[in-house]
N, C-alpha and C. Protein backbone atom coordinates (compact mmCIF):
# COMPACT_ATOMS: atom_id res chain seq x y z
N UNK A 1 -4.70 47.14 84.96
CA UNK A 1 -5.07 46.78 83.56
C UNK A 1 -6.16 45.66 83.19
N UNK A 2 -7.29 45.62 84.15
CA UNK A 2 -8.55 44.84 83.74
C UNK A 2 -8.99 45.67 82.54
N UNK A 3 -9.29 44.28 81.57
CA UNK A 3 -10.17 44.93 80.71
C UNK A 3 -9.72 45.40 79.42
N UNK A 4 -8.16 45.01 79.08
CA UNK A 4 -7.40 45.48 78.09
C UNK A 4 -7.32 44.26 77.10
N UNK A 5 -7.46 44.20 76.11
CA UNK A 5 -7.05 42.86 75.66
C UNK A 5 -5.50 42.13 75.33
N UNK A 6 -5.24 41.40 76.00
CA UNK A 6 -3.87 41.09 76.35
C UNK A 6 -2.70 41.03 75.05
N UNK A 7 -3.02 41.31 73.90
CA UNK A 7 -2.70 41.51 72.77
C UNK A 7 -2.09 42.72 72.84
N UNK A 8 -3.13 44.10 73.21
CA UNK A 8 -2.83 45.29 72.76
C UNK A 8 -1.83 45.70 74.36
N UNK A 9 -1.86 45.11 75.41
CA UNK A 9 -1.05 45.77 76.55
C UNK A 9 -1.66 47.09 76.77
N UNK A 10 -1.46 48.16 77.52
CA UNK A 10 -2.64 49.04 78.08
C UNK A 10 -2.39 50.41 76.98
N UNK A 11 -2.41 49.89 76.17
CA UNK A 11 -1.90 51.00 75.11
C UNK A 11 -3.25 52.36 74.38
N UNK A 12 -4.33 51.60 75.21
CA UNK A 12 -5.51 51.90 74.82
C UNK A 12 -7.27 51.27 75.43
N UNK A 13 -8.19 51.85 75.32
CA UNK A 13 -9.23 51.45 75.97
C UNK A 13 -9.73 50.67 75.24
N UNK A 14 -10.49 49.74 75.24
CA UNK A 14 -10.86 48.43 75.11
C UNK A 14 -11.97 48.85 73.90
N UNK A 15 -13.12 49.38 74.34
CA UNK A 15 -13.67 49.74 73.14
C UNK A 15 -13.55 51.17 71.85
N UNK A 16 -12.07 51.36 71.93
CA UNK A 16 -11.80 51.74 70.94
C UNK A 16 -11.65 51.20 69.80
N UNK A 17 -11.07 49.57 69.84
CA UNK A 17 -10.50 48.47 69.20
C UNK A 17 -12.37 47.89 68.69
N UNK A 18 -13.46 48.47 69.03
CA UNK A 18 -14.23 47.41 68.02
C UNK A 18 -14.70 47.88 66.88
N UNK A 19 -14.77 46.45 66.17
CA UNK A 19 -14.83 46.94 64.84
C UNK A 19 -13.37 46.34 63.72
N UNK A 20 -12.32 46.71 64.98
CA UNK A 20 -11.06 46.18 64.37
C UNK A 20 -10.50 47.21 63.23
N UNK A 21 -11.10 47.88 62.52
CA UNK A 21 -10.50 49.22 62.49
C UNK A 21 -9.10 49.54 62.60
N UNK A 22 -9.26 50.30 63.75
CA UNK A 22 -8.25 50.93 64.54
C UNK A 22 -7.20 49.77 65.40
N UNK A 23 -7.30 48.60 65.40
CA UNK A 23 -6.78 47.82 65.76
C UNK A 23 -5.51 47.60 64.51
N UNK A 24 -6.18 47.43 63.16
CA UNK A 24 -5.49 46.58 62.30
C UNK A 24 -4.88 48.59 62.01
N UNK A 25 -5.22 49.62 62.14
CA UNK A 25 -4.12 50.84 61.66
C UNK A 25 -3.29 50.85 62.93
N UNK A 26 -2.95 50.71 64.46
CA UNK A 26 -2.47 50.79 64.58
C UNK A 26 -1.50 49.43 64.67
N UNK A 27 -1.73 48.62 64.35
CA UNK A 27 -0.75 47.46 64.46
C UNK A 27 -0.13 47.64 63.04
N UNK A 28 -0.42 48.00 62.15
CA UNK A 28 -0.02 48.52 60.77
C UNK A 28 0.79 49.50 60.92
N UNK A 29 0.44 50.47 61.74
CA UNK A 29 1.67 51.60 62.22
C UNK A 29 2.73 51.09 62.77
N UNK A 30 2.25 50.50 63.53
CA UNK A 30 3.35 49.80 64.64
C UNK A 30 4.25 48.48 63.86
N UNK A 31 3.82 47.56 63.00
CA UNK A 31 4.55 47.04 62.06
C UNK A 31 5.84 48.06 61.21
N UNK A 32 5.30 48.96 60.66
CA UNK A 32 5.95 49.92 59.98
C UNK A 32 7.24 50.75 60.72
N UNK A 33 6.75 51.40 61.75
CA UNK A 33 8.06 51.59 62.70
C UNK A 33 8.92 50.81 63.17
N UNK A 34 8.38 49.27 63.36
CA UNK A 34 9.64 47.94 63.60
C UNK A 34 10.52 47.49 62.59
N UNK A 35 10.09 48.01 60.95
CA UNK A 35 10.27 47.76 60.19
C UNK A 35 10.94 48.89 59.89
N UNK A 36 10.79 50.07 59.89
CA UNK A 36 11.93 51.48 59.63
C UNK A 36 13.10 51.33 60.45
N UNK A 37 12.95 50.62 61.76
CA UNK A 37 13.86 50.62 62.65
C UNK A 37 15.30 49.67 62.54
N UNK A 38 14.54 47.92 62.27
CA UNK A 38 15.30 47.17 61.50
C UNK A 38 15.75 47.36 60.53
N UNK A 39 15.45 48.50 59.52
CA UNK A 39 16.25 49.05 58.41
C UNK A 39 17.31 49.39 58.78
N UNK A 40 17.12 50.33 59.49
CA UNK A 40 18.30 51.42 60.25
C UNK A 40 19.39 50.64 60.77
N UNK A 41 19.06 49.57 61.28
CA UNK A 41 19.76 48.94 61.96
C UNK A 41 20.74 47.83 61.46
N UNK A 42 20.10 47.67 60.40
CA UNK A 42 21.30 46.61 59.58
C UNK A 42 21.97 46.89 59.19
N UNK A 43 23.15 46.24 59.21
CA UNK A 43 24.63 46.63 58.46
C UNK A 43 24.33 46.90 57.27
N UNK A 44 25.28 48.01 57.05
CA UNK A 44 25.73 48.06 55.68
C UNK A 44 26.88 47.52 54.91
N UNK A 45 26.65 46.94 53.96
CA UNK A 45 27.93 46.50 53.15
C UNK A 45 28.74 47.07 52.86
N UNK A 46 30.26 47.08 53.04
CA UNK A 46 31.06 47.78 52.43
C UNK A 46 31.90 47.54 51.04
N UNK A 47 32.31 48.29 50.33
CA UNK A 47 32.35 47.97 48.93
C UNK A 47 33.69 47.44 48.87
N UNK A 48 33.99 46.16 48.40
CA UNK A 48 35.13 45.96 48.39
C UNK A 48 36.07 46.61 47.68
N UNK A 49 37.00 47.30 48.02
CA UNK A 49 38.14 48.09 46.96
C UNK A 49 38.78 47.55 46.10
N UNK A 50 38.90 48.22 44.80
CA UNK A 50 38.95 48.14 43.72
C UNK A 50 40.63 48.48 43.02
N UNK A 51 41.11 48.23 42.77
CA UNK A 51 42.38 48.65 42.22
C UNK A 51 42.38 49.79 40.97
N UNK A 52 43.03 50.60 41.25
CA UNK A 52 43.43 51.41 40.12
C UNK A 52 43.58 51.03 38.92
N UNK A 53 43.17 51.83 37.44
CA UNK A 53 43.02 51.00 36.27
C UNK A 53 45.18 50.64 35.65
N UNK A 54 45.71 51.76 36.64
CA UNK A 54 47.17 51.84 36.54
C UNK A 54 47.73 50.84 37.00
N UNK A 55 46.76 50.16 38.00
CA UNK A 55 47.69 48.57 39.15
C UNK A 55 47.04 47.22 38.41
N UNK A 56 46.35 47.55 37.72
CA UNK A 56 45.95 46.12 37.04
C UNK A 56 46.37 45.30 36.27
N UNK A 57 46.75 44.31 36.62
CA UNK A 57 47.86 43.71 36.07
C UNK A 57 47.52 42.58 34.93
N UNK A 58 48.66 42.32 33.55
CA UNK A 58 48.41 41.73 32.52
C UNK A 58 48.05 40.89 32.56
N UNK A 59 47.99 39.98 33.93
CA UNK A 59 47.00 38.50 33.56
C UNK A 59 47.19 38.23 35.76
N UNK A 60 46.28 37.55 35.63
CA UNK A 60 45.87 37.14 36.80
C UNK A 60 46.05 35.58 37.48
N UNK A 61 46.06 34.79 38.67
CA UNK A 61 47.14 33.56 38.85
C UNK A 61 45.94 33.55 40.10
N UNK A 62 45.87 31.60 39.95
CA UNK A 62 45.48 31.13 41.42
C UNK A 62 46.87 30.49 42.07
N UNK A 63 46.67 30.93 43.66
CA UNK A 63 47.25 30.42 44.52
C UNK A 63 47.10 28.87 44.82
N UNK A 64 48.43 28.49 44.39
CA UNK A 64 48.65 26.84 44.63
C UNK A 64 48.12 26.54 45.90
N UNK A 65 47.25 25.32 45.89
CA UNK A 65 46.22 24.95 46.58
C UNK A 65 47.00 23.99 48.09
N UNK A 66 48.15 24.27 47.98
CA UNK A 66 49.15 24.14 49.40
C UNK A 66 49.34 25.23 50.19
N UNK A 67 49.17 26.51 49.50
CA UNK A 67 49.75 27.62 49.67
C UNK A 67 49.09 28.06 51.23
N UNK A 68 50.10 28.22 52.21
CA UNK A 68 49.67 28.67 53.73
C UNK A 68 48.24 30.08 53.38
N UNK A 69 47.79 29.87 54.59
CA UNK A 69 46.56 30.94 54.47
C UNK A 69 47.14 31.99 55.82
N UNK A 70 48.20 32.36 54.53
CA UNK A 70 48.86 33.69 54.52
C UNK A 70 47.47 35.63 53.92
N UNK A 71 46.84 35.94 54.68
CA UNK A 71 45.53 37.00 54.48
C UNK A 71 45.94 37.81 53.09
N UNK A 72 45.39 38.29 52.79
CA UNK A 72 45.48 39.32 51.18
C UNK A 72 44.15 40.58 52.01
N UNK A 73 44.23 41.79 51.45
CA UNK A 73 43.72 42.44 51.89
C UNK A 73 42.26 42.17 50.89
N UNK A 74 40.98 42.59 51.38
CA UNK A 74 39.94 43.03 50.06
C UNK A 74 40.49 43.33 48.91
N UNK A 75 39.80 42.78 47.46
CA UNK A 75 40.43 43.23 46.53
C UNK A 75 41.68 43.33 45.88
N UNK A 76 42.26 42.46 46.68
CA UNK A 76 43.70 41.94 46.22
C UNK A 76 43.69 41.15 45.09
N UNK A 77 44.40 40.96 43.57
CA UNK A 77 44.51 40.48 42.50
C UNK A 77 45.44 39.81 42.39
N UNK A 78 45.55 38.33 42.63
CA UNK A 78 46.84 37.59 42.71
C UNK A 78 47.44 37.90 41.06
N UNK A 79 48.47 38.12 40.83
CA UNK A 79 49.16 37.90 39.45
C UNK A 79 50.18 37.12 39.33
N UNK A 80 50.45 36.39 39.88
CA UNK A 80 51.76 35.05 39.99
C UNK A 80 51.33 34.22 40.94
N UNK A 81 52.20 33.13 40.63
CA UNK A 81 53.05 31.91 42.13
C UNK A 81 53.36 31.24 41.47
N UNK A 82 54.34 30.46 42.31
CA UNK A 82 55.41 29.73 42.30
C UNK A 82 55.80 28.74 43.53
N UNK A 83 55.92 27.84 42.68
CA UNK A 83 56.44 26.41 43.74
C UNK A 83 58.10 26.06 43.64
N UNK A 84 58.27 25.79 44.42
CA UNK A 84 59.90 24.97 44.11
C UNK A 84 60.27 24.75 45.51
N UNK A 85 61.26 23.44 45.11
CA UNK A 85 61.60 22.89 46.35
C UNK A 85 63.01 23.18 46.53
N UNK A 86 63.72 23.06 47.66
CA UNK A 86 65.43 22.65 47.47
C UNK A 86 65.49 22.33 48.73
N UNK A 87 66.73 21.57 48.35
CA UNK A 87 67.06 21.11 50.01
C UNK A 87 66.14 20.17 50.89
N UNK A 88 65.53 19.77 50.16
CA UNK A 88 64.05 18.75 51.19
C UNK A 88 63.09 19.38 51.70
N UNK A 89 63.13 21.35 51.55
CA UNK A 89 62.04 22.12 52.12
C UNK A 89 61.06 22.66 50.60
N UNK A 90 60.39 22.91 50.75
CA UNK A 90 59.69 23.53 49.75
C UNK A 90 59.52 25.15 50.25
N UNK A 91 59.27 26.05 49.12
CA UNK A 91 58.81 27.27 49.50
C UNK A 91 57.77 27.34 48.10
N UNK A 92 56.30 28.07 48.81
CA UNK A 92 55.11 28.68 47.99
C UNK A 92 55.60 30.22 47.78
N UNK A 93 54.98 30.81 46.88
CA UNK A 93 55.52 32.37 46.46
C UNK A 93 54.22 32.83 45.74
N UNK A 94 53.91 33.73 46.15
CA UNK A 94 52.52 34.81 45.45
C UNK A 94 53.45 36.17 44.91
N UNK A 95 52.56 36.48 44.40
CA UNK A 95 52.89 37.81 43.35
C UNK A 95 51.03 38.39 43.54
N UNK A 96 51.11 39.81 44.24
CA UNK A 96 49.60 40.20 43.95
C UNK A 96 49.41 42.13 44.04
N UNK A 97 48.96 42.09 43.75
CA UNK A 97 48.46 43.63 43.45
C UNK A 97 47.21 43.91 44.64
N UNK A 98 47.62 44.65 45.37
CA UNK A 98 46.65 45.57 46.65
C UNK A 98 46.35 46.58 46.91
N UNK A 99 44.67 46.77 46.88
CA UNK A 99 44.11 47.76 46.66
C UNK A 99 44.51 48.93 47.61
N UNK A 100 45.86 49.24 48.04
CA UNK A 100 46.21 50.12 49.41
C UNK A 100 47.40 50.78 49.12
N UNK A 101 47.61 52.04 49.92
CA UNK A 101 48.63 52.41 50.00
C UNK A 101 49.76 51.49 50.63
N UNK A 102 50.84 52.10 50.51
CA UNK A 102 52.16 51.04 51.44
C UNK A 102 51.59 51.71 52.59
N UNK A 103 51.33 52.36 53.16
CA UNK A 103 51.69 52.65 54.73
C UNK A 103 49.92 51.39 54.99
N UNK A 104 49.25 51.66 54.46
CA UNK A 104 48.05 50.99 54.77
C UNK A 104 48.08 49.35 55.00
N UNK A 105 49.38 49.02 53.80
CA UNK A 105 49.43 47.65 53.31
C UNK A 105 50.80 46.82 54.36
N UNK A 106 51.31 48.09 54.78
CA UNK A 106 52.04 47.55 55.90
C UNK A 106 51.50 47.71 57.41
N UNK A 107 50.69 48.28 57.37
CA UNK A 107 49.91 48.28 58.60
C UNK A 107 49.38 46.78 58.51
N UNK A 108 48.67 46.43 57.61
CA UNK A 108 47.88 45.62 57.92
C UNK A 108 48.08 44.13 57.88
N UNK A 109 49.54 44.15 57.15
CA UNK A 109 50.48 42.67 57.55
C UNK A 109 50.81 43.01 59.07
N UNK A 110 51.42 43.71 59.55
CA UNK A 110 51.79 44.07 61.09
C UNK A 110 50.62 43.72 61.88
N UNK A 111 49.55 43.86 61.53
CA UNK A 111 48.71 43.00 62.65
C UNK A 111 48.15 41.73 62.55
N UNK A 112 47.83 41.69 60.69
CA UNK A 112 47.50 40.69 60.62
C UNK A 112 48.05 39.14 60.75
N UNK A 113 49.69 38.98 60.22
CA UNK A 113 50.46 38.12 60.71
C UNK A 113 50.06 37.60 61.80
N UNK A 114 50.83 38.69 62.70
CA UNK A 114 50.77 37.98 64.57
C UNK A 114 49.38 37.45 64.85
N UNK A 115 48.26 38.13 64.63
CA UNK A 115 46.94 37.15 64.46
C UNK A 115 46.33 35.94 63.99
N UNK A 116 47.21 35.85 63.14
CA UNK A 116 47.38 34.62 62.39
C UNK A 116 48.11 33.31 63.05
N UNK A 117 49.24 33.97 64.03
CA UNK A 117 50.20 32.98 64.74
C UNK A 117 51.86 33.63 63.71
N UNK A 118 51.91 34.30 63.19
CA UNK A 118 53.68 34.51 62.45
C UNK A 118 53.76 35.85 62.79
N UNK A 119 54.19 35.91 63.68
CA UNK A 119 54.81 37.30 64.62
C UNK A 119 55.94 37.40 63.54
N UNK A 120 55.61 39.18 63.36
CA UNK A 120 57.02 39.68 62.84
C UNK A 120 58.27 39.70 63.96
N UNK A 121 58.86 39.05 62.43
CA UNK A 121 60.58 38.81 63.50
C UNK A 121 61.40 40.04 62.78
N UNK A 122 61.46 40.57 61.95
CA UNK A 122 62.42 41.83 61.59
C UNK A 122 61.30 42.67 60.41
N UNK A 123 61.63 43.94 60.28
CA UNK A 123 60.73 44.81 59.34
C UNK A 123 62.57 46.11 58.95
N UNK A 124 61.75 46.16 57.87
CA UNK A 124 62.73 47.49 57.30
C UNK A 124 61.90 47.92 56.05
N UNK A 125 61.79 49.49 55.90
CA UNK A 125 61.25 49.82 54.97
C UNK A 125 61.44 51.61 54.79
N UNK A 126 61.44 51.72 53.50
CA UNK A 126 61.74 53.16 53.03
C UNK A 126 60.61 53.69 52.28
N UNK A 127 60.95 55.17 51.75
CA UNK A 127 59.77 55.83 51.29
C UNK A 127 58.82 54.89 50.04
N UNK A 128 59.44 53.70 49.33
CA UNK A 128 59.00 53.09 48.29
C UNK A 128 58.97 51.61 48.68
N UNK A 129 58.80 51.15 49.57
CA UNK A 129 59.31 49.95 49.99
C UNK A 129 58.99 49.32 51.21
N UNK A 130 58.71 48.33 51.91
CA UNK A 130 58.52 47.77 53.06
C UNK A 130 58.61 45.85 53.13
N UNK A 131 59.57 46.02 53.69
CA UNK A 131 60.03 44.13 54.20
C UNK A 131 59.94 44.01 55.16
N UNK A 132 58.65 42.45 55.41
CA UNK A 132 58.26 41.81 57.05
C UNK A 132 58.90 40.36 56.63
N UNK A 133 59.95 40.04 58.05
CA UNK A 133 59.72 38.63 57.66
C UNK A 133 59.23 38.33 59.57
N UNK A 134 58.38 36.88 58.63
CA UNK A 134 57.50 36.57 60.07
C UNK A 134 58.08 35.38 60.22
N UNK A 135 57.82 34.46 61.20
CA UNK A 135 57.86 32.90 61.60
C UNK A 135 57.02 32.37 62.43
N UNK A 136 56.44 31.00 62.40
CA UNK A 136 55.16 30.33 63.09
C UNK A 136 54.88 29.47 62.55
N UNK A 137 54.45 28.39 63.65
CA UNK A 137 54.09 26.93 63.07
C UNK A 137 54.62 26.52 62.05
N UNK A 138 55.89 26.59 61.75
CA UNK A 138 56.91 25.89 61.24
C UNK A 138 57.66 26.59 60.12
N UNK A 139 56.46 27.58 59.83
CA UNK A 139 56.61 28.24 58.67
C UNK A 139 57.38 29.86 59.05
N UNK A 140 58.15 29.62 57.64
CA UNK A 140 59.38 31.04 57.46
C UNK A 140 58.54 31.79 56.23
N UNK A 141 58.58 32.83 56.69
CA UNK A 141 58.07 33.75 55.46
C UNK A 141 58.81 34.96 55.41
N UNK A 142 58.88 35.91 53.90
CA UNK A 142 59.25 37.44 53.57
C UNK A 142 57.96 37.75 53.24
N UNK A 143 57.68 38.98 53.08
CA UNK A 143 56.79 39.77 52.82
C UNK A 143 57.45 40.87 51.97
N UNK A 144 57.34 41.44 50.83
CA UNK A 144 57.88 42.49 50.24
C UNK A 144 57.02 43.23 49.82
N UNK A 145 56.92 44.74 50.13
CA UNK A 145 55.59 45.45 49.56
C UNK A 145 56.33 46.42 49.01
N UNK A 146 55.40 46.83 47.74
CA UNK A 146 56.14 48.38 46.80
C UNK A 146 55.40 48.68 46.46
N UNK A 147 55.87 50.44 45.82
CA UNK A 147 55.09 51.11 45.49
C UNK A 147 54.95 51.24 43.83
N UNK A 148 53.59 51.41 43.32
CA UNK A 148 54.13 51.48 41.87
C UNK A 148 53.78 52.83 41.24
N UNK A 149 55.41 53.42 40.50
CA UNK A 149 55.77 54.41 40.28
C UNK A 149 54.20 54.80 39.30
N UNK A 150 53.75 56.09 39.72
CA UNK A 150 52.64 57.12 39.19
C UNK A 150 51.74 56.34 38.85
N UNK A 151 51.57 55.07 39.99
CA UNK A 151 50.41 54.69 39.99
C UNK A 151 49.86 55.42 41.72
N UNK A 152 49.09 56.08 42.22
CA UNK A 152 48.61 56.17 43.60
C UNK A 152 47.56 55.26 44.07
N UNK A 153 47.27 54.53 45.55
CA UNK A 153 46.68 53.61 45.49
C UNK A 153 46.59 52.37 45.69
N UNK A 154 47.22 51.48 45.07
CA UNK A 154 48.18 50.12 45.20
C UNK A 154 49.55 50.03 45.09
N UNK A 155 49.99 48.63 45.68
CA UNK A 155 51.15 48.32 46.34
C UNK A 155 51.41 47.14 45.19
N UNK A 156 52.04 46.74 45.34
CA UNK A 156 52.91 45.15 44.69
C UNK A 156 53.24 44.42 46.20
N UNK A 157 53.07 43.22 46.21
CA UNK A 157 53.01 42.59 47.64
C UNK A 157 53.56 41.29 46.82
N UNK A 158 55.16 40.65 47.84
CA UNK A 158 56.03 39.64 46.85
C UNK A 158 55.85 38.70 47.92
N UNK A 159 55.18 37.28 48.11
CA UNK A 159 55.09 36.60 49.30
C UNK A 159 55.94 35.73 48.98
N UNK A 160 56.83 35.20 49.98
CA UNK A 160 57.45 33.81 50.10
C UNK A 160 57.47 33.03 51.32
N UNK A 161 57.36 31.84 51.42
CA UNK A 161 56.73 31.12 52.82
C UNK A 161 57.78 29.89 52.58
N UNK A 162 58.58 29.56 52.79
CA UNK A 162 58.89 28.19 53.47
C UNK A 162 58.73 27.31 54.65
N UNK A 163 58.10 26.30 53.56
CA UNK A 163 56.88 24.98 54.53
C UNK A 163 57.94 24.16 54.92
N UNK A 164 57.72 23.56 56.09
CA UNK A 164 58.64 22.49 56.81
C UNK A 164 58.72 21.09 56.22
């Protein structure tokens, strides 16, 4: 390898680079190849799902500041929330519309709730609804999912969580 420019390794004879033109051309070509490879490897952003027009709620709402960290799939629109205190315990509620089918929404929660420490205690489902009860970390909750008649690609969700 003696006689080769250190920056060029063993890719060509040293006298081919006199005048610098070929070196710039080679470095420029290498830069283009590297840039193309990097662009090809860049992660492609997945678009956030949106609700079909038939599922857009008439109003939107914010979750209460102390609402537990119950996950909602991307594209979910919160349509209502509530807070209630009875017999010394507080119940936080949320109503939402999810851009998923009923089976996909049920699968989402069957996997996500246990992942965050809220194992499923019971579940019931039919052709147009699913209900999951979960508990963990001092919380008890219920999630109800329902289809929207005549509106494919969206379901309603009602979550109620009782805090200690």
